[in-house]
Amino acid sequence: MKQKKDNSKPNGKGKSKVSSYDFRQNTVRSEKVIVKNYDFKKPKKFTKEHLRGLNTVNEHIIRIFASNLSGLLRVFCEVTQLKIVECRYSEYLNTLTDKTLIGLVDMNDEKTGDNRCTMIAHFPSTINFFIIDILLGGNGTNYLLDRGFTDIEIAILENFYTKITRYLTEAWKNLADVKCELTGYETNPRLAQFISLEDSVVVMSFQIKMREITDIFSFCLPSINLDSILREALTKHAKTNGKNENDKEILRRENLTDSLKGSTMELTAVLDNLYIDMQDIINLKVSDVIPLNTRIDDNIILTVEGEPKFTVRVGDRKIKKSVKICDVVSAADIKDYYNY
C-alpha cells in the first residue's frame, strides 16, 4: 500500500514564517533613587518603628477631636492623620506664618506633677478665625483674614485651647500617665524659644475639614522628652506582656467583679410551686389557707433574677423572717423546680 504524499508547502518562498520577539521588554526599568543628605551633626533619634508608638495617640486624637469639636462648634468636623516626622525646631518654625497663634502645653506627670514635656499646639489662622466667628454667633464665613488677633479674640482662643488640652490628656492615657495643661501662648512663633533652634523635634500633623475649610494643624514635641516617655511606655508594655495567662485571667475576673459590685439583683425565696384551679383562685378570700407540698423543716429554693441558685432554710432573725443559705442547688433540685 502506497503512502499518500503530502503536497503542502510552507508559507513564503519555502521558508516558515516566524514572528520576531522584542527581548527588551524583559528588562525591568529601574526607578530613579533619590538620595537625601544625612546630617551627622544632628542625627535623628527615632526610626519609623519607634514612631509607630505614637500611632495609638494619633488614633485617639482623631477620634476625640472629631467628636468633641463637632459638638463644641455645632459643625461637622473630619480629622485625618497626615504624617509623623522628625526635624529641627528651626525647620518647624519656618513652616509657621508670623501672624498665627500657638499654645504652649505642659505634659505633667499625673502622680508627681513634674513637667515631663512642653508641647506646641498650632492651629492655622483660618481655623482660629472660623472658631471665633462660630463661637460669637456668626455663620463661620468670615475666616480669610490676613491680620493678627485682638485681645478679645486671644481670650476666646485661650479658652478653646484649654479645652483642647483636656482632649490631649485623654488621648495620651493609653501611652503615658500625663496631664496636659495650657501654660501660655504666643502670637509670634519665633518667640517660643523653650528649646534650642537646632534641637530635634517630632511633629504630628493632622488634616481637619470643617464645611469648605480644609487645613492642617500640628503638635510639636521635643525629641529628648518624647524619647523618655516612649521608653517608659515600652517598658510598661513589656511588663504587661510578660504576665502569664493565669495572671491575666485573675486580673480580668477582678475587673469584672469590681464592675458588678455596684449592680443590684433580685433574690426570691420560693416556698413552693403548685397548681390551683381558676375557680379556687376566684373564690379566694381573707383567712383562707393554701396547703403546700413542702414541710416546714424542708429546704426551699432561693432564686437570683428568677434562676434557682441556692437551697435555703426558713427562720427568724430578731423580728423579721429570714433564710439561711445551706447549699448550691443540685441538678435534681433545678429539674424539680421547673417540672413541678
C-alpha atoms as a PDB file:
ATOM      1  CA  MET A   1       0.000   0.000   0.000  1.00  0.00           C
ATOM      2  CA  LYS A   2       1.453   3.366  -1.019  1.00  0.00           C
ATOM      3  CA  GLN A   3       1.788   6.184   1.452  1.00  0.00           C
ATOM      4  CA  LYS A   4      -0.017   9.384   0.481  1.00  0.00           C
ATOM      5  CA  LYS A   5       2.369  12.161  -0.385  1.00  0.00           C
ATOM      6  CA  ASP A   6       1.995  15.475   1.425  1.00  0.00           C
ATOM      7  CA  ASN A   7       1.899  18.250  -1.165  1.00  0.00           C
ATOM      8  CA  SER A   8       1.544  21.136   1.371  1.00  0.00           C
ATOM      9  CA  LYS A   9       4.113  23.904   1.031  1.00  0.00           C
ATOM     10  CA  PRO A  10       5.497  26.304   3.600  1.00  0.00           C
ATOM     11  CA  ASN A  11       4.461  29.957   3.550  1.00  0.00           C
ATOM     12  CA  GLY A  12       6.514  32.344   1.527  1.00  0.00           C
ATOM     13  CA  LYS A  13       9.432  31.212  -0.545  1.00  0.00           C
ATOM     14  CA  GLY A  14       9.911  27.839   1.021  1.00  0.00           C
ATOM     15  CA  LYS A  15      10.520  29.228   4.479  1.00  0.00           C
ATOM     16  CA  SER A  16       8.293  29.084   7.600  1.00  0.00           C
ATOM     17  CA  LYS A  17       7.074  32.433   8.936  1.00  0.00           C
ATOM     18  CA  VAL A  18       8.499  33.187  12.458  1.00  0.00           C
ATOM     19  CA  SER A  19       7.391  36.341  14.309  1.00  0.00           C
ATOM     20  CA  SER A  20      10.176  38.453  15.784  1.00  0.00           C
ATOM     21  CA  TYR A  21      10.332  38.868  19.626  1.00  0.00           C
ATOM     22  CA  ASP A  22      11.408  42.024  21.378  1.00  0.00           C
ATOM     23  CA  PHE A  23      13.691  40.919  24.183  1.00  0.00           C
ATOM     24  CA  ARG A  24      13.914  44.446  25.552  1.00  0.00           C
ATOM     25  CA  GLN A  25      10.527  44.044  27.197  1.00  0.00           C
ATOM     26  CA  ASN A  26      12.063  41.579  29.655  1.00  0.00           C
ATOM     27  CA  THR A  27      14.242  44.265  31.153  1.00  0.00           C
ATOM     28  CA  VAL A  28      12.924  45.892  34.326  1.00  0.00           C
ATOM     29  CA  ARG A  29      13.035  49.639  34.326  1.00  0.00           C
ATOM     30  CA  SER A  30      14.690  50.807  37.498  1.00  0.00           C
ATOM     31  CA  GLU A  31      13.185  53.828  39.194  1.00  0.00           C
ATOM     32  CA  LYS A  32      15.412  56.749  39.940  1.00  0.00           C
ATOM     33  CA  VAL A  33      16.608  56.543  43.527  1.00  0.00           C
ATOM     34  CA  ILE A  34      16.534  59.822  45.414  1.00  0.00           C
ATOM     35  CA  VAL A  35      19.384  60.103  47.882  1.00  0.00           C
ATOM     36  CA  LYS A  36      18.917  62.579  50.701  1.00  0.00           C
ATOM     37  CA  ASN A  37      21.778  64.198  52.548  1.00  0.00           C
ATOM     38  CA  TYR A  38      22.135  62.980  56.134  1.00  0.00           C
ATOM     39  CA  ASP A  39      23.240  65.421  58.801  1.00  0.00           C
ATOM     40  CA  PHE A  40      25.659  63.519  61.047  1.00  0.00           C
ATOM     41  CA  LYS A  41      25.955  66.515  63.373  1.00  0.00           C
ATOM     42  CA  LYS A  42      22.252  66.249  64.260  1.00  0.00           C
ATOM     43  CA  PRO A  43      21.353  62.577  63.851  1.00  0.00           C
ATOM     44  CA  LYS A  44      17.718  61.557  64.159  1.00  0.00           C
ATOM     45  CA  LYS A  45      16.806  59.862  67.409  1.00  0.00           C
ATOM     46  CA  PHE A  46      13.799  57.922  66.167  1.00  0.00           C
ATOM     47  CA  THR A  47      13.247  55.385  63.440  1.00  0.00           C
ATOM     48  CA  LYS A  48       9.894  54.701  61.803  1.00  0.00           C
ATOM     49  CA  GLU A  49       9.412  51.723  64.116  1.00  0.00           C
ATOM     50  CA  HIS A  50       9.915  53.892  67.207  1.00  0.00           C
ATOM     51  CA  LEU A  51       7.461  56.487  65.960  1.00  0.00           C
ATOM     52  CA  ARG A  52       4.792  53.830  65.494  1.00  0.00           C
ATOM     53  CA  GLY A  53       4.213  54.009  69.234  1.00  0.00           C
ATOM     54  CA  LEU A  54       2.629  57.411  68.613  1.00  0.00           C
ATOM     55  CA  ASN A  55       0.027  55.880  66.293  1.00  0.00           C
ATOM     56  CA  THR A  56      -2.042  54.948  69.336  1.00  0.00           C
ATOM     57  CA  VAL A  57      -2.052  58.582  70.440  1.00  0.00           C
ATOM     58  CA  ASN A  58      -2.869  59.782  66.929  1.00  0.00           C
ATOM     59  CA  GLU A  59      -5.812  57.392  66.612  1.00  0.00           C
ATOM     60  CA  HIS A  60      -7.257  58.746  69.871  1.00  0.00           C
ATOM     61  CA  ILE A  61      -6.627  62.336  68.762  1.00  0.00           C
ATOM     62  CA  ILE A  62      -8.529  61.692  65.524  1.00  0.00           C
ATOM     63  CA  ARG A  63     -11.474  60.111  67.323  1.00  0.00           C
ATOM     64  CA  ILE A  64     -11.643  62.532  70.283  1.00  0.00           C
ATOM     65  CA  PHE A  65     -11.046  65.725  68.310  1.00  0.00           C
ATOM     66  CA  ALA A  66     -13.550  64.863  65.578  1.00  0.00           C
ATOM     67  CA  SER A  67     -16.363  64.115  68.027  1.00  0.00           C
ATOM     68  CA  ASN A  68     -15.678  66.889  70.562  1.00  0.00           C
ATOM     69  CA  LEU A  69     -15.037  69.660  68.032  1.00  0.00           C
ATOM     70  CA  SER A  70     -18.226  68.729  66.215  1.00  0.00           C
ATOM     71  CA  GLY A  71     -20.167  69.066  69.465  1.00  0.00           C
ATOM     72  CA  LEU A  72     -18.379  72.237  70.558  1.00  0.00           C
ATOM     73  CA  LEU A  73     -18.773  74.145  67.280  1.00  0.00           C
ATOM     74  CA  ARG A  74     -22.032  72.509  66.125  1.00  0.00           C
ATOM     75  CA  VAL A  75     -20.258  71.867  62.820  1.00  0.00           C
ATOM     76  CA  PHE A  76     -19.310  68.501  61.353  1.00  0.00           C
ATOM     77  CA  CYS A  77     -15.535  68.040  61.679  1.00  0.00           C
ATOM     78  CA  GLU A  78     -13.436  65.398  59.962  1.00  0.00           C
ATOM     79  CA  VAL A  79      -9.894  64.769  61.228  1.00  0.00           C
ATOM     80  CA  THR A  80      -7.329  62.542  59.496  1.00  0.00           C
ATOM     81  CA  GLN A  81      -3.690  61.805  60.252  1.00  0.00           C
ATOM     82  CA  LEU A  82      -1.118  63.025  57.747  1.00  0.00           C
ATOM     83  CA  LYS A  83       2.374  62.128  58.965  1.00  0.00           C
ATOM     84  CA  ILE A  84       4.831  61.986  61.842  1.00  0.00           C
ATOM     85  CA  VAL A  85       8.236  63.499  61.058  1.00  0.00           C
ATOM     86  CA  GLU A  86      11.377  64.321  62.980  1.00  0.00           C
ATOM     87  CA  CYS A  87      13.136  67.574  62.131  1.00  0.00           C
ATOM     88  CA  ARG A  88      14.929  70.521  63.683  1.00  0.00           C
ATOM     89  CA  TYR A  89      12.958  73.004  65.709  1.00  0.00           C
ATOM     90  CA  SER A  90      14.021  75.809  63.365  1.00  0.00           C
ATOM     91  CA  GLU A  91      12.645  73.879  60.381  1.00  0.00           C
ATOM     92  CA  TYR A  92       9.290  73.513  62.112  1.00  0.00           C
ATOM     93  CA  LEU A  93       9.130  77.228  62.945  1.00  0.00           C
ATOM     94  CA  ASN A  94       9.828  78.085  59.299  1.00  0.00           C
ATOM     95  CA  THR A  95       6.633  76.267  58.301  1.00  0.00           C
ATOM     96  CA  LEU A  96       4.539  78.574  60.518  1.00  0.00           C
ATOM     97  CA  THR A  97       3.386  82.023  59.482  1.00  0.00           C
ATOM     98  CA  ASP A  98       4.176  85.099  61.554  1.00  0.00           C
ATOM     99  CA  LYS A  99       0.532  86.104  62.147  1.00  0.00           C
ATOM    100  CA  THR A 100      -0.601  82.989  63.947  1.00  0.00           C
ATOM    101  CA  LEU A 101      -1.274  81.762  67.463  1.00  0.00           C
ATOM    102  CA  ILE A 102       0.382  78.781  69.131  1.00  0.00           C
ATOM    103  CA  GLY A 103      -0.404  77.279  72.514  1.00  0.00           C
ATOM    104  CA  LEU A 104       2.243  76.048  74.947  1.00  0.00           C
ATOM    105  CA  VAL A 105       1.042  72.871  76.639  1.00  0.00           C
ATOM    106  CA  ASP A 106       2.858  71.269  79.582  1.00  0.00           C
ATOM    107  CA  MET A 107       2.636  67.482  79.889  1.00  0.00           C
ATOM    108  CA  ASN A 108       2.918  66.899  83.657  1.00  0.00           C
ATOM    109  CA  ASP A 109       3.208  63.588  85.443  1.00  0.00           C
ATOM    110  CA  GLU A 110      -0.225  62.690  86.757  1.00  0.00           C
ATOM    111  CA  LYS A 111       1.115  61.377  90.090  1.00  0.00           C
ATOM    112  CA  THR A 112       4.019  63.684  90.955  1.00  0.00           C
ATOM    113  CA  GLY A 113       3.026  66.758  88.922  1.00  0.00           C
ATOM    114  CA  ASP A 114       6.546  67.071  87.449  1.00  0.00           C
ATOM    115  CA  ASN A 115       6.845  68.524  83.952  1.00  0.00           C
ATOM    116  CA  ARG A 116       7.640  65.707  81.504  1.00  0.00           C
ATOM    117  CA  CYS A 117       7.469  67.684  78.281  1.00  0.00           C
ATOM    118  CA  THR A 118       6.335  71.001  76.773  1.00  0.00           C
ATOM    119  CA  MET A 119       4.311  70.672  73.595  1.00  0.00           C
ATOM    120  CA  ILE A 120       3.361  73.241  70.960  1.00  0.00           C
ATOM    121  CA  ALA A 121      -0.217  73.105  69.683  1.00  0.00           C
ATOM    122  CA  HIS A 122      -0.721  75.005  66.429  1.00  0.00           C
ATOM    123  CA  PHE A 123      -3.970  75.652  64.599  1.00  0.00           C
ATOM    124  CA  PRO A 124      -3.801  77.786  61.420  1.00  0.00           C
ATOM    125  CA  SER A 125      -5.358  81.247  61.327  1.00  0.00           C
ATOM    126  CA  THR A 126      -8.211  80.114  59.082  1.00  0.00           C
ATOM    127  CA  ILE A 127      -9.324  77.602  61.726  1.00  0.00           C
ATOM    128  CA  ASN A 128      -8.861  80.109  64.550  1.00  0.00           C
ATOM    129  CA  PHE A 129     -10.931  82.827  62.867  1.00  0.00           C
ATOM    130  CA  PHE A 130     -13.568  80.259  61.909  1.00  0.00           C
ATOM    131  CA  ILE A 131     -13.818  79.152  65.565  1.00  0.00           C
ATOM    132  CA  ILE A 132     -14.064  82.764  66.771  1.00  0.00           C
ATOM    133  CA  ASP A 133     -16.825  83.541  64.260  1.00  0.00           C
ATOM    134  CA  ILE A 134     -18.823  80.432  65.235  1.00  0.00           C
ATOM    135  CA  LEU A 135     -18.460  80.956  68.997  1.00  0.00           C
ATOM    136  CA  LEU A 136     -19.548  84.596  68.674  1.00  0.00           C
ATOM    137  CA  GLY A 137     -22.746  83.575  66.892  1.00  0.00           C
ATOM    138  CA  GLY A 138     -21.617  84.039  63.300  1.00  0.00           C
ATOM    139  CA  ASN A 139     -22.162  81.705  60.370  1.00  0.00           C
ATOM    140  CA  GLY A 140     -18.457  80.832  60.010  1.00  0.00           C
ATOM    141  CA  THR A 141     -17.803  82.639  56.722  1.00  0.00           C
ATOM    142  CA  ASN A 142     -15.503  85.398  57.960  1.00  0.00           C
ATOM    143  CA  TYR A 143     -12.274  83.450  58.361  1.00  0.00           C
ATOM    144  CA  LEU A 144      -9.983  84.591  55.496  1.00  0.00           C
ATOM    145  CA  LEU A 145      -8.343  87.414  57.421  1.00  0.00           C
ATOM    146  CA  ASP A 146      -4.710  88.445  56.997  1.00  0.00           C
ATOM    147  CA  ARG A 147      -4.076  90.104  60.349  1.00  0.00           C
ATOM    148  CA  GLY A 148      -3.166  89.394  63.941  1.00  0.00           C
ATOM    149  CA  PHE A 149      -5.513  88.670  66.828  1.00  0.00           C
ATOM    150  CA  THR A 150      -7.109  91.174  69.181  1.00  0.00           C
ATOM    151  CA  ASP A 151      -7.130  90.739  72.961  1.00  0.00           C
ATOM    152  CA  ILE A 152     -10.754  89.587  72.924  1.00  0.00           C
ATOM    153  CA  GLU A 153     -10.031  87.047  70.182  1.00  0.00           C
ATOM    154  CA  ILE A 154      -6.996  85.768  72.090  1.00  0.00           C
ATOM    155  CA  ALA A 155      -9.150  85.316  75.224  1.00  0.00           C
ATOM    156  CA  ILE A 156     -11.672  83.272  73.210  1.00  0.00           C
ATOM    157  CA  LEU A 157      -8.933  81.139  71.659  1.00  0.00           C
ATOM    158  CA  GLU A 158      -7.250  80.671  75.040  1.00  0.00           C
ATOM    159  CA  ASN A 159     -10.479  79.169  76.352  1.00  0.00           C
ATOM    160  CA  PHE A 160     -10.658  76.959  73.254  1.00  0.00           C
ATOM    161  CA  TYR A 161      -7.039  75.782  73.644  1.00  0.00           C
ATOM    162  CA  THR A 162      -7.723  74.975  77.297  1.00  0.00           C
ATOM    163  CA  LYS A 163     -10.436  72.551  76.186  1.00  0.00           C
ATOM    164  CA  ILE A 164      -8.050  71.111  73.592  1.00  0.00           C
ATOM    165  CA  THR A 165      -5.573  70.215  76.353  1.00  0.00           C
ATOM    166  CA  ARG A 166      -8.272  68.116  78.067  1.00  0.00           C
ATOM    167  CA  TYR A 167      -8.742  66.161  74.859  1.00  0.00           C
ATOM    168  CA  LEU A 168      -4.956  65.654  74.671  1.00  0.00           C
ATOM    169  CA  THR A 169      -4.876  64.259  78.218  1.00  0.00           C
ATOM    170  CA  GLU A 170      -7.467  61.672  77.242  1.00  0.00           C
ATOM    171  CA  ALA A 171      -5.596  60.833  74.022  1.00  0.00           C
ATOM    172  CA  TRP A 172      -2.287  60.196  75.853  1.00  0.00           C
ATOM    173  CA  LYS A 173      -3.823  57.976  78.549  1.00  0.00           C
ATOM    174  CA  ASN A 174      -3.003  54.661  76.846  1.00  0.00           C
ATOM    175  CA  LEU A 175       0.639  55.619  76.282  1.00  0.00           C
ATOM    176  CA  ALA A 176       1.637  57.642  79.350  1.00  0.00           C
ATOM    177  CA  ASP A 177       0.090  58.837  82.618  1.00  0.00           C
ATOM    178  CA  VAL A 178       0.333  62.557  81.918  1.00  0.00           C
ATOM    179  CA  LYS A 179      -1.948  65.530  82.394  1.00  0.00           C
ATOM    180  CA  CYS A 180      -1.848  68.284  79.777  1.00  0.00           C
ATOM    181  CA  GLU A 181      -2.251  71.908  80.871  1.00  0.00           C
ATOM    182  CA  LEU A 182      -2.178  75.107  78.838  1.00  0.00           C
ATOM    183  CA  THR A 183       0.551  77.315  80.357  1.00  0.00           C
ATOM    184  CA  GLY A 184       0.812  80.094  77.778  1.00  0.00           C
ATOM    185  CA  TYR A 185       0.532  81.195  74.177  1.00  0.00           C
ATOM    186  CA  GLU A 186       2.495  83.156  71.605  1.00  0.00           C
ATOM    187  CA  THR A 187       1.236  85.276  68.723  1.00  0.00           C
ATOM    188  CA  ASN A 188       4.675  85.106  67.103  1.00  0.00           C
ATOM    189  CA  PRO A 189       6.088  81.553  66.832  1.00  0.00           C
ATOM    190  CA  ARG A 190       9.642  82.896  66.591  1.00  0.00           C
ATOM    191  CA  LEU A 191       9.397  83.988  70.228  1.00  0.00           C
ATOM    192  CA  ALA A 192       8.604  80.471  71.506  1.00  0.00           C
ATOM    193  CA  GLN A 193      12.207  79.620  72.338  1.00  0.00           C
ATOM    194  CA  PHE A 194      11.707  76.987  75.033  1.00  0.00           C
ATOM    195  CA  ILE A 195      14.301  74.774  73.308  1.00  0.00           C
ATOM    196  CA  SER A 196      17.265  75.421  71.041  1.00  0.00           C
ATOM    197  CA  LEU A 197      16.599  76.019  67.353  1.00  0.00           C
ATOM    198  CA  GLU A 198      18.989  73.197  66.470  1.00  0.00           C
ATOM    199  CA  ASP A 199      17.323  70.646  68.748  1.00  0.00           C
ATOM    200  CA  SER A 200      15.362  67.790  67.245  1.00  0.00           C
ATOM    201  CA  VAL A 201      11.572  67.724  67.495  1.00  0.00           C
ATOM    202  CA  VAL A 202       8.804  65.343  66.447  1.00  0.00           C
ATOM    203  CA  VAL A 203       5.878  66.895  64.578  1.00  0.00           C
ATOM    204  CA  MET A 204       2.488  65.174  64.366  1.00  0.00           C
ATOM    205  CA  SER A 205       0.382  66.647  61.563  1.00  0.00           C
ATOM    206  CA  PHE A 206      -3.362  66.255  61.024  1.00  0.00           C
ATOM    207  CA  GLN A 207      -5.813  67.456  58.405  1.00  0.00           C
ATOM    208  CA  ILE A 208      -9.115  68.949  59.520  1.00  0.00           C
ATOM    209  CA  LYS A 209     -12.177  69.584  57.382  1.00  0.00           C
ATOM    210  CA  MET A 210     -14.986  71.882  58.527  1.00  0.00           C
ATOM    211  CA  ARG A 211     -17.505  72.913  55.884  1.00  0.00           C
ATOM    212  CA  GLU A 212     -15.454  74.325  52.981  1.00  0.00           C
ATOM    213  CA  ILE A 213     -12.293  74.692  55.087  1.00  0.00           C
ATOM    214  CA  THR A 214      -9.511  72.133  54.721  1.00  0.00           C
ATOM    215  CA  ASP A 215      -6.334  72.907  56.624  1.00  0.00           C
ATOM    216  CA  ILE A 216      -3.578  71.328  58.719  1.00  0.00           C
ATOM    217  CA  PHE A 217      -2.956  71.569  62.460  1.00  0.00           C
ATOM    218  CA  SER A 218       0.021  70.078  64.277  1.00  0.00           C
ATOM    219  CA  PHE A 219       1.625  69.248  67.599  1.00  0.00           C
ATOM    220  CA  CYS A 220       5.377  69.650  68.159  1.00  0.00           C
ATOM    221  CA  LEU A 221       7.249  67.746  70.897  1.00  0.00           C
ATOM    222  CA  PRO A 222      10.989  67.862  71.760  1.00  0.00           C
ATOM    223  CA  SER A 223      12.673  64.577  70.871  1.00  0.00           C
ATOM    224  CA  ILE A 224      14.657  64.316  74.100  1.00  0.00           C
ATOM    225  CA  ASN A 225      11.491  64.474  76.243  1.00  0.00           C
ATOM    226  CA  LEU A 226       9.477  62.260  73.924  1.00  0.00           C
ATOM    227  CA  ASP A 227      12.247  59.648  73.987  1.00  0.00           C
ATOM    228  CA  SER A 228      11.932  59.168  77.759  1.00  0.00           C
ATOM    229  CA  ILE A 229       8.118  58.944  77.513  1.00  0.00           C
ATOM    230  CA  LEU A 230       8.284  56.313  74.762  1.00  0.00           C
ATOM    231  CA  ARG A 231      10.915  54.284  76.635  1.00  0.00           C
ATOM    232  CA  GLU A 232       8.765  54.266  79.749  1.00  0.00           C
ATOM    233  CA  ALA A 233       5.733  53.248  77.710  1.00  0.00           C
ATOM    234  CA  LEU A 234       7.646  50.386  76.031  1.00  0.00           C
ATOM    235  CA  THR A 235       8.883  49.150  79.432  1.00  0.00           C
ATOM    236  CA  LYS A 236       5.367  49.245  80.812  1.00  0.00           C
ATOM    237  CA  HIS A 237       4.067  47.423  77.741  1.00  0.00           C
ATOM    238  CA  ALA A 238       6.779  44.750  78.046  1.00  0.00           C
ATOM    239  CA  LYS A 239       5.908  44.112  81.687  1.00  0.00           C
ATOM    240  CA  THR A 240       2.261  43.769  80.773  1.00  0.00           C
ATOM    241  CA  ASN A 241       3.043  41.264  78.012  1.00  0.00           C
ATOM    242  CA  GLY A 242       5.317  39.330  80.374  1.00  0.00           C
ATOM    243  CA  LYS A 243       2.431  38.277  82.591  1.00  0.00           C
ATOM    244  CA  ASN A 244       1.262  34.722  82.140  1.00  0.00           C
ATOM    245  CA  GLU A 245      -2.249  33.842  81.097  1.00  0.00           C
ATOM    246  CA  ASN A 246      -3.245  32.896  84.631  1.00  0.00           C
ATOM    247  CA  ASP A 247      -2.428  36.365  85.951  1.00  0.00           C
ATOM    248  CA  LYS A 248      -4.364  37.926  83.080  1.00  0.00           C
ATOM    249  CA  GLU A 249      -7.363  35.736  83.833  1.00  0.00           C
ATOM    250  CA  ILE A 250      -7.238  36.667  87.519  1.00  0.00           C
ATOM    251  CA  LEU A 251      -6.994  40.354  86.615  1.00  0.00           C
ATOM    252  CA  ARG A 252      -9.897  40.001  84.198  1.00  0.00           C
ATOM    253  CA  ARG A 253     -12.046  38.349  86.853  1.00  0.00           C
ATOM    254  CA  GLU A 254     -11.154  41.026  89.407  1.00  0.00           C
ATOM    255  CA  ASN A 255     -12.073  43.789  86.972  1.00  0.00           C
ATOM    256  CA  LEU A 256     -15.314  42.010  86.129  1.00  0.00           C
ATOM    257  CA  THR A 257     -16.140  41.535  89.817  1.00  0.00           C
ATOM    258  CA  ASP A 258     -15.397  45.178  90.605  1.00  0.00           C
ATOM    259  CA  SER A 259     -17.672  46.334  87.789  1.00  0.00           C
ATOM    260  CA  LEU A 260     -20.520  44.148  89.100  1.00  0.00           C
ATOM    261  CA  LYS A 261     -20.261  45.173  92.748  1.00  0.00           C
ATOM    262  CA  GLY A 262     -22.467  48.198  92.302  1.00  0.00           C
ATOM    263  CA  SER A 263     -25.243  46.390  90.430  1.00  0.00           C
ATOM    264  CA  THR A 264     -28.476  45.244  92.118  1.00  0.00           C
ATOM    265  CA  MET A 265     -30.193  41.862  91.694  1.00  0.00           C
ATOM    266  CA  GLU A 266     -33.479  40.418  92.914  1.00  0.00           C
ATOM    267  CA  LEU A 267     -33.403  37.451  95.330  1.00  0.00           C
ATOM    268  CA  THR A 268     -36.613  35.461  95.799  1.00  0.00           C
ATOM    269  CA  ALA A 269     -37.222  32.671  98.336  1.00  0.00           C
ATOM    270  CA  VAL A 270     -39.755  30.272  96.751  1.00  0.00           C
ATOM    271  CA  LEU A 271     -41.769  28.348  99.338  1.00  0.00           C
ATOM    272  CA  ASP A 272     -43.366  26.021  96.800  1.00  0.00           C
ATOM    273  CA  ASN A 273     -44.804  25.761  93.297  1.00  0.00           C
ATOM    274  CA  LEU A 274     -48.259  24.313  92.878  1.00  0.00           C
ATOM    275  CA  TYR A 275     -51.258  24.266  90.546  1.00  0.00           C
ATOM    276  CA  ILE A 276     -54.573  25.822  91.595  1.00  0.00           C
ATOM    277  CA  ASP A 277     -57.799  25.791  89.605  1.00  0.00           C
ATOM    278  CA  MET A 278     -59.002  29.148  88.375  1.00  0.00           C
ATOM    279  CA  GLN A 279     -62.291  28.606  90.221  1.00  0.00           C
ATOM    280  CA  ASP A 280     -60.393  28.316  93.517  1.00  0.00           C
ATOM    281  CA  ILE A 281     -58.382  31.465  92.781  1.00  0.00           C
ATOM    282  CA  ILE A 282     -61.560  33.425  92.065  1.00  0.00           C
ATOM    283  CA  ASN A 283     -63.086  32.291  95.372  1.00  0.00           C
ATOM    284  CA  LEU A 284     -60.014  33.131  97.489  1.00  0.00           C
ATOM    285  CA  LYS A 285     -60.661  35.463 100.415  1.00  0.00           C
ATOM    286  CA  VAL A 286     -59.009  36.645 103.575  1.00  0.00           C
ATOM    287  CA  SER A 287     -58.109  33.918 106.142  1.00  0.00           C
ATOM    288  CA  ASP A 288     -58.121  31.124 103.504  1.00  0.00           C
ATOM    289  CA  VAL A 289     -55.294  28.611 103.945  1.00  0.00           C
ATOM    290  CA  ILE A 290     -53.369  27.132 100.973  1.00  0.00           C
ATOM    291  CA  PRO A 291     -51.567  23.887 101.914  1.00  0.00           C
ATOM    292  CA  LEU A 292     -48.104  23.464 100.394  1.00  0.00           C
ATOM    293  CA  ASN A 293     -46.236  20.299  99.461  1.00  0.00           C
ATOM    294  CA  THR A 294     -43.127  21.464 101.374  1.00  0.00           C
ATOM    295  CA  ARG A 295     -42.656  20.541 105.012  1.00  0.00           C
ATOM    296  CA  ILE A 296     -41.873  23.321 107.463  1.00  0.00           C
ATOM    297  CA  ASP A 297     -38.390  21.892 108.121  1.00  0.00           C
ATOM    298  CA  ASP A 298     -37.551  21.268 104.421  1.00  0.00           C
ATOM    299  CA  ASN A 299     -35.151  23.413 102.434  1.00  0.00           C
ATOM    300  CA  ILE A 300     -36.627  25.753  99.849  1.00  0.00           C
ATOM    301  CA  ILE A 301     -35.187  27.306  96.683  1.00  0.00           C
ATOM    302  CA  LEU A 302     -33.617  30.784  96.533  1.00  0.00           C
ATOM    303  CA  THR A 303     -33.653  32.294  93.025  1.00  0.00           C
ATOM    304  CA  VAL A 304     -31.444  35.070  91.646  1.00  0.00           C
ATOM    305  CA  GLU A 305     -33.275  37.046  88.972  1.00  0.00           C
ATOM    306  CA  GLY A 306     -35.672  34.098  88.569  1.00  0.00           C
ATOM    307  CA  GLU A 307     -32.926  31.454  88.238  1.00  0.00           C
ATOM    308  CA  PRO A 308     -32.601  28.830  91.064  1.00  0.00           C
ATOM    309  CA  LYS A 309     -29.164  29.155  92.674  1.00  0.00           C
ATOM    310  CA  PHE A 310     -29.266  28.046  96.351  1.00  0.00           C
ATOM    311  CA  THR A 311     -31.196  25.902  98.813  1.00  0.00           C
ATOM    312  CA  VAL A 312     -32.098  27.786 101.990  1.00  0.00           C
ATOM    313  CA  ARG A 313     -33.743  27.160 105.350  1.00  0.00           C
ATOM    314  CA  VAL A 314     -36.511  29.489 106.611  1.00  0.00           C
ATOM    315  CA  GLY A 315     -36.060  31.012 110.062  1.00  0.00           C
ATOM    316  CA  ASP A 316     -36.367  34.133 112.212  1.00  0.00           C
ATOM    317  CA  ARG A 317     -33.815  36.830 112.898  1.00  0.00           C
ATOM    318  CA  LYS A 318     -34.866  39.312 115.555  1.00  0.00           C
ATOM    319  CA  ILE A 319     -38.357  40.424 114.468  1.00  0.00           C
ATOM    320  CA  LYS A 320     -38.005  39.556 110.773  1.00  0.00           C
ATOM    321  CA  LYS A 321     -38.314  36.382 108.740  1.00  0.00           C
ATOM    322  CA  SER A 322     -35.050  35.262 107.183  1.00  0.00           C
ATOM    323  CA  VAL A 323     -33.450  32.450 105.192  1.00  0.00           C
ATOM    324  CA  LYS A 324     -30.119  30.736 105.703  1.00  0.00           C
ATOM    325  CA  ILE A 325     -28.179  29.570 102.645  1.00  0.00           C
ATOM    326  CA  CYS A 326     -27.442  25.868 103.051  1.00  0.00           C
ATOM    327  CA  ASP A 327     -26.058  24.711  99.712  1.00  0.00           C
ATOM    328  CA  VAL A 328     -25.910  25.314  95.977  1.00  0.00           C
ATOM    329  CA  VAL A 329     -28.848  23.822  94.113  1.00  0.00           C
ATOM    330  CA  SER A 330     -28.256  20.417  92.542  1.00  0.00           C
ATOM    331  CA  ALA A 331     -29.339  19.322  89.089  1.00  0.00           C
ATOM    332  CA  ALA A 332     -32.229  17.366  90.642  1.00  0.00           C
ATOM    333  CA  ASP A 333     -33.430  20.454  92.531  1.00  0.00           C
ATOM    334  CA  ILE A 334     -33.378  22.514  89.332  1.00  0.00           C
ATOM    335  CA  LYS A 335     -35.290  19.822  87.478  1.00  0.00           C
ATOM    336  CA  ASP A 336     -37.923  19.626  90.228  1.00  0.00           C
ATOM    337  CA  TYR A 337     -38.209  23.422  90.281  1.00  0.00           C
ATOM    338  CA  TYR A 338     -39.025  23.670  86.584  1.00  0.00           C
ATOM    339  CA  ASN A 339     -41.060  20.452  86.367  1.00  0.00           C
ATOM    340  CA  TYR A 340     -43.365  20.901  89.345  1.00  0.00           C
END
